[in-house]
Amino acid sequence: MTKEQLGILLRVASGLLFTGMIVCVKALSDTTPLGQIVFFRSAVALLPLVVFLWLSSEFPAGLRTSRPMGHILRCLLGAAAMFTSFATLRFLPVAEATMLSYLSPVMVVALAALLLGEAATVRRLAGVALGVAGVALFTLPELDGSISPDRLTGVALGLLTALLTAGALIQVRHLARTESAGAIAFYFAAVSALAGLATLPAGWIAPTPPDLALLFAAGLFGGAAHIAMTVSFRLAEASAMAPFEYLTLIWAILAGLVLFSEVPDAVFLIAAPLIIAGAVVAAPAGSGRSAKA
């Protein structure tokens, strides 16, 4: 197996691991406070991440930084995105919540044009148009003129997640010029854990053994997914792995169908290709969502 093939395999594995994390969060969403889920997902993820950084000789020396404020901004945006993305799973099926996350590259284009003055090329504008069309279709009323309030809430949270993730990705782009991927991931997990812990006074619950297992599994899956993704980008070019990024939606559809009896409807099957096409067209050539919030 070549290095590129191994990189692609790890990129596919990271998508499966992220889907495992989403499934755990979905299973907990009706019984466990949101902040408690965020805390366990982030705090437990630090365990495999620290081991990986130590084995890579990046811990603790690799955590030194001259840009603490840059990390703080990235972490706050990423932590907020984690809260909203987990909240989305309370209102939408796994596949639909995952689909909306692919709007992040579209949001990056819009934010980069507004905040950084980057050129809005025809290609990027086309990507934005496809993404907007997909969301518009996704929020159309049913044939009887009604639309579920939960669906609208879920879509709104999904759009907010994509916007926050886009902001975090732009900040990661700046940090990556001088900071290691390990440091960026470590500080993100640490700050997100603190943000989740801050919700303790709002009322946490004593989880049942099965729920506690899901909380730990969410963290381990999330931490392992970040490691697999980081290593994959060291072994293979982003352009070689980009097509495999979108396999995550397939895993999400299968997970929702098998574990939660969520059958994609016709609107999803039409809107999903539009949103994914928008992500592919809007994103810079060869890029993927390499810094998942």
C-alpha atoms as a PDB file:
ATOM      1  CA  MET A   1       0.000   0.000   0.000  1.00  0.00           C
ATOM      2  CA  THR A   2       1.371   3.397  -0.979  1.00  0.00           C
ATOM      3  CA  LYS A   3       1.445   6.433   1.321  1.00  0.00           C
ATOM      4  CA  GLU A   4      -1.294   8.064  -0.737  1.00  0.00           C
ATOM      5  CA  GLN A   5      -3.519   4.984  -0.498  1.00  0.00           C
ATOM      6  CA  LEU A   6      -2.977   4.847   3.264  1.00  0.00           C
ATOM      7  CA  GLY A   7      -3.826   8.534   3.508  1.00  0.00           C
ATOM      8  CA  ILE A   8      -7.068   7.995   1.595  1.00  0.00           C
ATOM      9  CA  LEU A   9      -7.918   4.998   3.793  1.00  0.00           C
ATOM     10  CA  LEU A  10      -7.383   7.103   6.923  1.00  0.00           C
ATOM     11  CA  ARG A  11      -9.524   9.903   5.468  1.00  0.00           C
ATOM     12  CA  VAL A  12     -12.355   7.432   4.896  1.00  0.00           C
ATOM     13  CA  ALA A  13     -11.827   6.064   8.422  1.00  0.00           C
ATOM     14  CA  SER A  14     -12.051   9.571   9.878  1.00  0.00           C
ATOM     15  CA  GLY A  15     -15.440  10.005   8.206  1.00  0.00           C
ATOM     16  CA  LEU A  16     -16.656   6.748   9.729  1.00  0.00           C
ATOM     17  CA  LEU A  17     -15.374   7.795  13.146  1.00  0.00           C
ATOM     18  CA  PHE A  18     -17.043  11.194  12.915  1.00  0.00           C
ATOM     19  CA  THR A  19     -20.280   9.409  11.992  1.00  0.00           C
ATOM     20  CA  GLY A  20     -19.858   7.188  15.053  1.00  0.00           C
ATOM     21  CA  MET A  21     -19.532  10.315  17.177  1.00  0.00           C
ATOM     22  CA  ILE A  22     -22.680  11.817  15.622  1.00  0.00           C
ATOM     23  CA  VAL A  23     -24.626   8.605  16.271  1.00  0.00           C
ATOM     24  CA  CYS A  24     -23.625   8.688  19.951  1.00  0.00           C
ATOM     25  CA  VAL A  25     -24.684  12.338  20.255  1.00  0.00           C
ATOM     26  CA  LYS A  26     -27.988  11.635  18.496  1.00  0.00           C
ATOM     27  CA  ALA A  27     -28.708   8.747  20.868  1.00  0.00           C
ATOM     28  CA  LEU A  28     -28.049  11.019  23.871  1.00  0.00           C
ATOM     29  CA  SER A  29     -29.793  14.131  22.575  1.00  0.00           C
ATOM     30  CA  ASP A  30     -33.219  13.482  24.143  1.00  0.00           C
ATOM     31  CA  THR A  31     -31.965  12.567  27.618  1.00  0.00           C
ATOM     32  CA  THR A  32     -28.662  14.350  28.297  1.00  0.00           C
ATOM     33  CA  PRO A  33     -28.076  18.120  28.663  1.00  0.00           C
ATOM     34  CA  LEU A  34     -26.309  19.638  25.673  1.00  0.00           C
ATOM     35  CA  GLY A  35     -23.421  21.097  27.693  1.00  0.00           C
ATOM     36  CA  GLN A  36     -22.778  17.748  29.346  1.00  0.00           C
ATOM     37  CA  ILE A  37     -22.479  16.076  25.936  1.00  0.00           C
ATOM     38  CA  VAL A  38     -20.082  18.784  24.742  1.00  0.00           C
ATOM     39  CA  PHE A  39     -17.951  18.362  27.858  1.00  0.00           C
ATOM     40  CA  PHE A  40     -17.564  14.595  27.569  1.00  0.00           C
ATOM     41  CA  ARG A  41     -17.027  14.691  23.802  1.00  0.00           C
ATOM     42  CA  SER A  42     -14.220  17.245  24.220  1.00  0.00           C
ATOM     43  CA  ALA A  43     -12.619  16.126  27.491  1.00  0.00           C
ATOM     44  CA  VAL A  44     -12.475  12.445  26.533  1.00  0.00           C
ATOM     45  CA  ALA A  45     -11.133  13.358  23.071  1.00  0.00           C
ATOM     46  CA  LEU A  46      -8.098  14.906  24.791  1.00  0.00           C
ATOM     47  CA  LEU A  47      -6.950  11.447  25.924  1.00  0.00           C
ATOM     48  CA  PRO A  48      -6.177   9.916  22.489  1.00  0.00           C
ATOM     49  CA  LEU A  49      -5.082  13.337  21.223  1.00  0.00           C
ATOM     50  CA  VAL A  50      -2.462  13.791  23.966  1.00  0.00           C
ATOM     51  CA  VAL A  51      -1.173  10.242  23.394  1.00  0.00           C
ATOM     52  CA  PHE A  52      -0.876  10.933  19.662  1.00  0.00           C
ATOM     53  CA  LEU A  53       0.921  14.244  20.221  1.00  0.00           C
ATOM     54  CA  TRP A  54       3.280  12.626  22.732  1.00  0.00           C
ATOM     55  CA  LEU A  55       4.122   9.797  20.312  1.00  0.00           C
ATOM     56  CA  SER A  56       4.696  12.441  17.618  1.00  0.00           C
ATOM     57  CA  SER A  57       7.062  14.324  19.967  1.00  0.00           C
ATOM     58  CA  GLU A  58       4.693  17.306  19.866  1.00  0.00           C
ATOM     59  CA  PHE A  59       3.636  17.193  23.522  1.00  0.00           C
ATOM     60  CA  PRO A  60       4.132  19.380  25.389  1.00  0.00           C
ATOM     61  CA  ALA A  61       6.710  21.338  23.357  1.00  0.00           C
ATOM     62  CA  GLY A  62       4.472  21.517  20.284  1.00  0.00           C
ATOM     63  CA  LEU A  63       1.787  23.363  22.231  1.00  0.00           C
ATOM     64  CA  ARG A  64       3.852  26.515  22.646  1.00  0.00           C
ATOM     65  CA  THR A  65       2.312  29.422  20.801  1.00  0.00           C
ATOM     66  CA  SER A  66       2.937  33.098  20.177  1.00  0.00           C
ATOM     67  CA  ARG A  67      -0.667  33.636  19.041  1.00  0.00           C
ATOM     68  CA  PRO A  68      -2.900  32.906  22.053  1.00  0.00           C
ATOM     69  CA  MET A  69      -5.612  35.338  20.944  1.00  0.00           C
ATOM     70  CA  GLY A  70      -5.819  33.623  17.562  1.00  0.00           C
ATOM     71  CA  HIS A  71      -6.354  30.277  19.290  1.00  0.00           C
ATOM     72  CA  ILE A  72      -8.965  31.780  21.603  1.00  0.00           C
ATOM     73  CA  LEU A  73     -10.990  33.145  18.668  1.00  0.00           C
ATOM     74  CA  ARG A  74     -10.775  29.834  16.789  1.00  0.00           C
ATOM     75  CA  CYS A  75     -11.746  27.894  19.931  1.00  0.00           C
ATOM     76  CA  LEU A  76     -14.717  30.109  20.739  1.00  0.00           C
ATOM     77  CA  LEU A  77     -16.058  29.797  17.196  1.00  0.00           C
ATOM     78  CA  GLY A  78     -15.446  26.052  17.145  1.00  0.00           C
ATOM     79  CA  ALA A  79     -16.977  25.469  20.589  1.00  0.00           C
ATOM     80  CA  ALA A  80     -20.078  27.462  19.618  1.00  0.00           C
ATOM     81  CA  ALA A  81     -20.324  25.388  16.419  1.00  0.00           C
ATOM     82  CA  MET A  82     -20.129  22.193  18.476  1.00  0.00           C
ATOM     83  CA  PHE A  83     -23.019  23.325  20.663  1.00  0.00           C
ATOM     84  CA  THR A  84     -25.200  24.251  17.684  1.00  0.00           C
ATOM     85  CA  SER A  85     -24.309  21.128  15.683  1.00  0.00           C
ATOM     86  CA  PHE A  86     -25.212  18.850  18.590  1.00  0.00           C
ATOM     87  CA  ALA A  87     -28.426  20.827  19.116  1.00  0.00           C
ATOM     88  CA  THR A  88     -29.253  20.302  15.433  1.00  0.00           C
ATOM     89  CA  LEU A  89     -29.320  16.549  16.022  1.00  0.00           C
ATOM     90  CA  ARG A  90     -32.210  17.008  18.446  1.00  0.00           C
ATOM     91  CA  PHE A  91     -34.385  18.343  15.647  1.00  0.00           C
ATOM     92  CA  LEU A  92     -33.164  16.684  12.437  1.00  0.00           C
ATOM     93  CA  PRO A  93     -32.243  13.169  11.308  1.00  0.00           C
ATOM     94  CA  VAL A  94     -28.560  12.240  11.206  1.00  0.00           C
ATOM     95  CA  ALA A  95     -28.327  12.478   7.404  1.00  0.00           C
ATOM     96  CA  GLU A  96     -30.018  15.897   7.217  1.00  0.00           C
ATOM     97  CA  ALA A  97     -27.832  17.376   9.966  1.00  0.00           C
ATOM     98  CA  THR A  98     -24.750  15.994   8.211  1.00  0.00           C
ATOM     99  CA  MET A  99     -25.887  17.381   4.865  1.00  0.00           C
ATOM    100  CA  LEU A 100     -26.204  20.909   6.270  1.00  0.00           C
ATOM    101  CA  SER A 101     -22.613  20.726   7.556  1.00  0.00           C
ATOM    102  CA  TYR A 102     -21.467  20.688   3.935  1.00  0.00           C
ATOM    103  CA  LEU A 103     -22.544  24.309   3.658  1.00  0.00           C
ATOM    104  CA  SER A 104     -19.358  25.330   5.488  1.00  0.00           C
ATOM    105  CA  PRO A 105     -17.269  25.807   2.293  1.00  0.00           C
ATOM    106  CA  VAL A 106     -20.088  27.926   0.866  1.00  0.00           C
ATOM    107  CA  MET A 107     -20.099  30.054   4.027  1.00  0.00           C
ATOM    108  CA  VAL A 108     -16.295  30.345   3.866  1.00  0.00           C
ATOM    109  CA  VAL A 109     -16.593  31.920   0.417  1.00  0.00           C
ATOM    110  CA  ALA A 110     -19.168  34.427   1.658  1.00  0.00           C
ATOM    111  CA  LEU A 111     -17.220  35.324   4.808  1.00  0.00           C
ATOM    112  CA  ALA A 112     -13.904  35.559   2.954  1.00  0.00           C
ATOM    113  CA  ALA A 113     -15.452  37.993   0.482  1.00  0.00           C
ATOM    114  CA  LEU A 114     -17.090  40.103   3.195  1.00  0.00           C
ATOM    115  CA  LEU A 115     -14.365  40.081   5.852  1.00  0.00           C
ATOM    116  CA  LEU A 116     -11.139  39.474   3.950  1.00  0.00           C
ATOM    117  CA  GLY A 117     -11.921  41.129   0.638  1.00  0.00           C
ATOM    118  CA  GLU A 118     -11.189  37.936  -1.320  1.00  0.00           C
ATOM    119  CA  ALA A 119     -12.417  37.876  -4.897  1.00  0.00           C
ATOM    120  CA  ALA A 120     -15.835  36.291  -5.431  1.00  0.00           C
ATOM    121  CA  THR A 121     -15.113  34.421  -8.668  1.00  0.00           C
ATOM    122  CA  VAL A 122     -17.791  33.032 -10.947  1.00  0.00           C
ATOM    123  CA  ARG A 123     -16.961  29.529  -9.715  1.00  0.00           C
ATOM    124  CA  ARG A 124     -17.383  30.509  -6.083  1.00  0.00           C
ATOM    125  CA  LEU A 125     -20.575  32.433  -6.741  1.00  0.00           C
ATOM    126  CA  ALA A 126     -21.960  29.369  -8.530  1.00  0.00           C
ATOM    127  CA  GLY A 127     -21.132  27.269  -5.475  1.00  0.00           C
ATOM    128  CA  VAL A 128     -22.950  29.709  -3.228  1.00  0.00           C
ATOM    129  CA  ALA A 129     -25.964  29.688  -5.553  1.00  0.00           C
ATOM    130  CA  LEU A 130     -26.150  25.879  -5.513  1.00  0.00           C
ATOM    131  CA  GLY A 131     -25.893  25.801  -1.725  1.00  0.00           C
ATOM    132  CA  VAL A 132     -28.629  28.413  -1.331  1.00  0.00           C
ATOM    133  CA  ALA A 133     -30.849  26.526  -3.773  1.00  0.00           C
ATOM    134  CA  GLY A 134     -30.397  23.332  -1.780  1.00  0.00           C
ATOM    135  CA  VAL A 135     -31.327  25.019   1.505  1.00  0.00           C
ATOM    136  CA  ALA A 136     -34.314  26.772  -0.095  1.00  0.00           C
ATOM    137  CA  LEU A 137     -35.596  23.449  -1.405  1.00  0.00           C
ATOM    138  CA  PHE A 138     -34.990  21.827   1.970  1.00  0.00           C
ATOM    139  CA  THR A 139     -37.188  24.373   3.750  1.00  0.00           C
ATOM    140  CA  LEU A 140     -40.124  24.319   1.305  1.00  0.00           C
ATOM    141  CA  PRO A 141     -43.491  23.557   2.914  1.00  0.00           C
ATOM    142  CA  GLU A 142     -45.112  20.160   2.470  1.00  0.00           C
ATOM    143  CA  LEU A 143     -47.815  19.736  -0.156  1.00  0.00           C
ATOM    144  CA  ASP A 144     -50.471  20.774   2.376  1.00  0.00           C
ATOM    145  CA  GLY A 145     -48.639  24.056   3.023  1.00  0.00           C
ATOM    146  CA  SER A 146     -47.302  23.089   6.448  1.00  0.00           C
ATOM    147  CA  ILE A 147     -43.762  22.759   7.679  1.00  0.00           C
ATOM    148  CA  SER A 148     -42.645  21.268  10.968  1.00  0.00           C
ATOM    149  CA  PRO A 149     -41.381  23.791  13.542  1.00  0.00           C
ATOM    150  CA  ASP A 150     -38.744  21.239  14.559  1.00  0.00           C
ATOM    151  CA  ARG A 151     -37.523  21.069  10.966  1.00  0.00           C
ATOM    152  CA  LEU A 152     -37.282  24.841  10.731  1.00  0.00           C
ATOM    153  CA  THR A 153     -35.437  25.006  14.062  1.00  0.00           C
ATOM    154  CA  GLY A 154     -33.077  22.255  12.961  1.00  0.00           C
ATOM    155  CA  VAL A 155     -32.343  23.953   9.632  1.00  0.00           C
ATOM    156  CA  ALA A 156     -31.722  27.285  11.382  1.00  0.00           C
ATOM    157  CA  LEU A 157     -29.311  25.613  13.811  1.00  0.00           C
ATOM    158  CA  GLY A 158     -27.627  23.785  10.922  1.00  0.00           C
ATOM    159  CA  LEU A 159     -27.112  27.050   9.050  1.00  0.00           C
ATOM    160  CA  LEU A 160     -25.718  28.698  12.174  1.00  0.00           C
ATOM    161  CA  THR A 161     -23.373  25.726  12.624  1.00  0.00           C
ATOM    162  CA  ALA A 162     -22.124  26.087   9.049  1.00  0.00           C
ATOM    163  CA  LEU A 163     -21.552  29.824   9.580  1.00  0.00           C
ATOM    164  CA  LEU A 164     -19.650  29.309  12.847  1.00  0.00           C
ATOM    165  CA  THR A 165     -17.639  26.471  11.309  1.00  0.00           C
ATOM    166  CA  ALA A 166     -16.749  28.697   8.356  1.00  0.00           C
ATOM    167  CA  GLY A 167     -15.493  31.356  10.747  1.00  0.00           C
ATOM    168  CA  ALA A 168     -13.433  28.757  12.593  1.00  0.00           C
ATOM    169  CA  LEU A 169     -12.000  27.448   9.310  1.00  0.00           C
ATOM    170  CA  ILE A 170     -10.939  30.931   8.227  1.00  0.00           C
ATOM    171  CA  GLN A 171      -9.215  31.376  11.587  1.00  0.00           C
ATOM    172  CA  VAL A 172      -7.529  27.973  11.240  1.00  0.00           C
ATOM    173  CA  ARG A 173      -6.253  29.106   7.841  1.00  0.00           C
ATOM    174  CA  HIS A 174      -4.482  32.008   9.563  1.00  0.00           C
ATOM    175  CA  LEU A 175      -3.179  29.919  12.474  1.00  0.00           C
ATOM    176  CA  ALA A 176      -1.852  27.141  10.248  1.00  0.00           C
ATOM    177  CA  ARG A 177       0.799  29.510   8.865  1.00  0.00           C
ATOM    178  CA  THR A 178       2.687  29.322  12.178  1.00  0.00           C
ATOM    179  CA  GLU A 179       0.885  26.789  14.410  1.00  0.00           C
ATOM    180  CA  SER A 180       0.893  22.994  14.247  1.00  0.00           C
ATOM    181  CA  ALA A 181      -2.295  21.035  13.569  1.00  0.00           C
ATOM    182  CA  GLY A 182      -1.795  19.266  16.897  1.00  0.00           C
ATOM    183  CA  ALA A 183      -1.751  22.523  18.852  1.00  0.00           C
ATOM    184  CA  ILE A 184      -4.852  23.805  17.066  1.00  0.00           C
ATOM    185  CA  ALA A 185      -6.742  20.567  17.813  1.00  0.00           C
ATOM    186  CA  PHE A 186      -5.547  20.399  21.445  1.00  0.00           C
ATOM    187  CA  TYR A 187      -6.580  23.937  22.361  1.00  0.00           C
ATOM    188  CA  PHE A 188      -9.923  23.494  20.604  1.00  0.00           C
ATOM    189  CA  ALA A 189     -10.725  20.352  22.591  1.00  0.00           C
ATOM    190  CA  ALA A 190      -9.565  21.919  25.871  1.00  0.00           C
ATOM    191  CA  VAL A 191     -11.602  25.118  25.446  1.00  0.00           C
ATOM    192  CA  SER A 192     -14.677  23.190  24.277  1.00  0.00           C
ATOM    193  CA  ALA A 193     -14.442  20.987  27.377  1.00  0.00           C
ATOM    194  CA  LEU A 194     -14.307  24.093  29.580  1.00  0.00           C
ATOM    195  CA  ALA A 195     -17.297  25.562  27.723  1.00  0.00           C
ATOM    196  CA  GLY A 196     -19.264  22.396  28.331  1.00  0.00           C
ATOM    197  CA  LEU A 197     -18.213  22.315  31.987  1.00  0.00           C
ATOM    198  CA  ALA A 198     -19.451  25.892  32.399  1.00  0.00           C
ATOM    199  CA  THR A 199     -23.008  24.608  31.858  1.00  0.00           C
ATOM    200  CA  LEU A 200     -22.818  22.402  34.975  1.00  0.00           C
ATOM    201  CA  PRO A 201     -24.848  24.889  37.111  1.00  0.00           C
ATOM    202  CA  ALA A 202     -27.634  24.715  34.517  1.00  0.00           C
ATOM    203  CA  GLY A 203     -28.235  21.128  35.571  1.00  0.00           C
ATOM    204  CA  TRP A 204     -26.472  17.970  34.547  1.00  0.00           C
ATOM    205  CA  ILE A 205     -27.860  14.483  35.091  1.00  0.00           C
ATOM    206  CA  ALA A 206     -26.400  11.319  36.548  1.00  0.00           C
ATOM    207  CA  PRO A 207     -26.089   9.270  33.337  1.00  0.00           C
ATOM    208  CA  THR A 208     -27.108   5.643  33.248  1.00  0.00           C
ATOM    209  CA  PRO A 209     -24.304   3.154  32.463  1.00  0.00           C
ATOM    210  CA  PRO A 210     -25.372   2.896  28.788  1.00  0.00           C
ATOM    211  CA  ASP A 211     -25.500   6.701  28.465  1.00  0.00           C
ATOM    212  CA  LEU A 212     -22.122   7.042  30.167  1.00  0.00           C
ATOM    213  CA  ALA A 213     -20.696   4.556  27.666  1.00  0.00           C
ATOM    214  CA  LEU A 214     -22.141   6.656  24.816  1.00  0.00           C
ATOM    215  CA  LEU A 215     -20.630   9.847  26.293  1.00  0.00           C
ATOM    216  CA  PHE A 216     -17.173   8.279  26.438  1.00  0.00           C
ATOM    217  CA  ALA A 217     -17.613   6.719  22.987  1.00  0.00           C
ATOM    218  CA  ALA A 218     -18.502  10.120  21.512  1.00  0.00           C
ATOM    219  CA  GLY A 219     -15.246  11.548  22.857  1.00  0.00           C
ATOM    220  CA  LEU A 220     -13.110   8.625  21.736  1.00  0.00           C
ATOM    221  CA  PHE A 221     -14.668   8.608  18.270  1.00  0.00           C
ATOM    222  CA  GLY A 222     -14.196  12.373  17.946  1.00  0.00           C
ATOM    223  CA  GLY A 223     -10.576  12.288  19.134  1.00  0.00           C
ATOM    224  CA  ALA A 224      -9.679   9.325  16.937  1.00  0.00           C
ATOM    225  CA  ALA A 225     -11.356  10.981  13.939  1.00  0.00           C
ATOM    226  CA  HIS A 226      -9.216  14.103  14.349  1.00  0.00           C
ATOM    227  CA  ILE A 227      -6.063  11.977  14.581  1.00  0.00           C
ATOM    228  CA  ALA A 228      -6.942   9.926  11.500  1.00  0.00           C
ATOM    229  CA  MET A 229      -7.707  13.099   9.538  1.00  0.00           C
ATOM    230  CA  THR A 230      -4.472  14.800  10.647  1.00  0.00           C
ATOM    231  CA  VAL A 231      -2.323  11.801   9.660  1.00  0.00           C
ATOM    232  CA  SER A 232      -4.158  11.420   6.343  1.00  0.00           C
ATOM    233  CA  PHE A 233      -3.192  14.944   5.294  1.00  0.00           C
ATOM    234  CA  ARG A 234       0.437  14.150   6.099  1.00  0.00           C
ATOM    235  CA  LEU A 235       0.385  11.119   3.814  1.00  0.00           C
ATOM    236  CA  ALA A 236      -1.667  12.240   0.813  1.00  0.00           C
ATOM    237  CA  GLU A 237      -2.470  15.382  -1.113  1.00  0.00           C
ATOM    238  CA  ALA A 238      -5.758  17.056  -0.237  1.00  0.00           C
ATOM    239  CA  SER A 239      -6.813  16.855  -3.890  1.00  0.00           C
ATOM    240  CA  ALA A 240      -6.481  13.058  -3.836  1.00  0.00           C
ATOM    241  CA  MET A 241      -8.670  12.755  -0.742  1.00  0.00           C
ATOM    242  CA  ALA A 242     -11.284  15.403  -1.530  1.00  0.00           C
ATOM    243  CA  PRO A 243     -13.748  13.034  -3.287  1.00  0.00           C
ATOM    244  CA  PHE A 244     -13.777  10.743  -0.240  1.00  0.00           C
ATOM    245  CA  GLU A 245     -14.856  13.600   2.042  1.00  0.00           C
ATOM    246  CA  TYR A 246     -18.419  13.183   0.838  1.00  0.00           C
ATOM    247  CA  LEU A 247     -18.624   9.501   1.781  1.00  0.00           C
ATOM    248  CA  THR A 248     -19.491  10.746   5.270  1.00  0.00           C
ATOM    249  CA  LEU A 249     -22.994  11.543   4.032  1.00  0.00           C
ATOM    250  CA  ILE A 250     -23.392   7.917   2.913  1.00  0.00           C
ATOM    251  CA  TRP A 251     -22.363   6.684   6.359  1.00  0.00           C
ATOM    252  CA  ALA A 252     -24.818   9.146   7.934  1.00  0.00           C
ATOM    253  CA  ILE A 253     -27.694   7.950   5.740  1.00  0.00           C
ATOM    254  CA  LEU A 254     -26.949   4.309   6.580  1.00  0.00           C
ATOM    255  CA  ALA A 255     -26.565   5.035  10.300  1.00  0.00           C
ATOM    256  CA  GLY A 256     -29.839   6.959  10.426  1.00  0.00           C
ATOM    257  CA  LEU A 257     -31.653   4.220   8.515  1.00  0.00           C
ATOM    258  CA  VAL A 258     -30.303   1.259  10.490  1.00  0.00           C
ATOM    259  CA  LEU A 259     -30.078   2.722  14.005  1.00  0.00           C
ATOM    260  CA  PHE A 260     -32.871   5.322  14.103  1.00  0.00           C
ATOM    261  CA  SER A 261     -35.223   4.166  11.300  1.00  0.00           C
ATOM    262  CA  GLU A 262     -34.740   7.511   9.521  1.00  0.00           C
ATOM    263  CA  VAL A 263     -35.697   7.136   5.866  1.00  0.00           C
ATOM    264  CA  PRO A 264     -34.520  10.020   3.618  1.00  0.00           C
ATOM    265  CA  ASP A 265     -37.433  11.722   1.863  1.00  0.00           C
ATOM    266  CA  ALA A 266     -37.614  12.976  -1.711  1.00  0.00           C
ATOM    267  CA  VAL A 267     -36.727  16.551  -0.716  1.00  0.00           C
ATOM    268  CA  PHE A 268     -33.518  15.378   0.958  1.00  0.00           C
ATOM    269  CA  LEU A 269     -32.544  13.303  -2.085  1.00  0.00           C
ATOM    270  CA  ILE A 270     -32.879  16.386  -4.305  1.00  0.00           C
ATOM    271  CA  ALA A 271     -31.445  18.992  -1.903  1.00  0.00           C
ATOM    272  CA  ALA A 272     -28.396  16.949  -0.846  1.00  0.00           C
ATOM    273  CA  PRO A 273     -26.783  16.831  -4.341  1.00  0.00           C
ATOM    274  CA  LEU A 274     -27.305  20.590  -4.711  1.00  0.00           C
ATOM    275  CA  ILE A 275     -25.633  21.372  -1.377  1.00  0.00           C
ATOM    276  CA  ILE A 276     -22.753  18.955  -1.982  1.00  0.00           C
ATOM    277  CA  ALA A 277     -22.260  20.332  -5.489  1.00  0.00           C
ATOM    278  CA  GLY A 278     -22.180  23.813  -3.997  1.00  0.00           C
ATOM    279  CA  ALA A 279     -19.525  22.710  -1.501  1.00  0.00           C
ATOM    280  CA  VAL A 280     -17.411  21.121  -4.245  1.00  0.00           C
ATOM    281  CA  VAL A 281     -17.658  24.130  -6.548  1.00  0.00           C
ATOM    282  CA  ALA A 282     -17.185  26.788  -3.856  1.00  0.00           C
ATOM    283  CA  ALA A 283     -14.230  25.174  -2.089  1.00  0.00           C
ATOM    284  CA  PRO A 284     -10.713  25.918  -3.354  1.00  0.00           C
ATOM    285  CA  ALA A 285      -9.373  23.194  -5.623  1.00  0.00           C
ATOM    286  CA  GLY A 286      -8.245  20.170  -3.647  1.00  0.00           C
ATOM    287  CA  SER A 287      -9.550  21.356  -0.307  1.00  0.00           C
ATOM    288  CA  GLY A 288     -11.766  19.525   2.113  1.00  0.00           C
ATOM    289  CA  ARG A 289     -13.236  20.323   5.487  1.00  0.00           C
ATOM    290  CA  SER A 290      -9.825  19.658   6.986  1.00  0.00           C
ATOM    291  CA  ALA A 291     -10.560  21.360  10.284  1.00  0.00           C
ATOM    292  CA  LYS A 292     -13.835  20.067  11.538  1.00  0.00           C
ATOM    293  CA  ALA A 293     -15.425  22.093  14.254  1.00  0.00           C
END
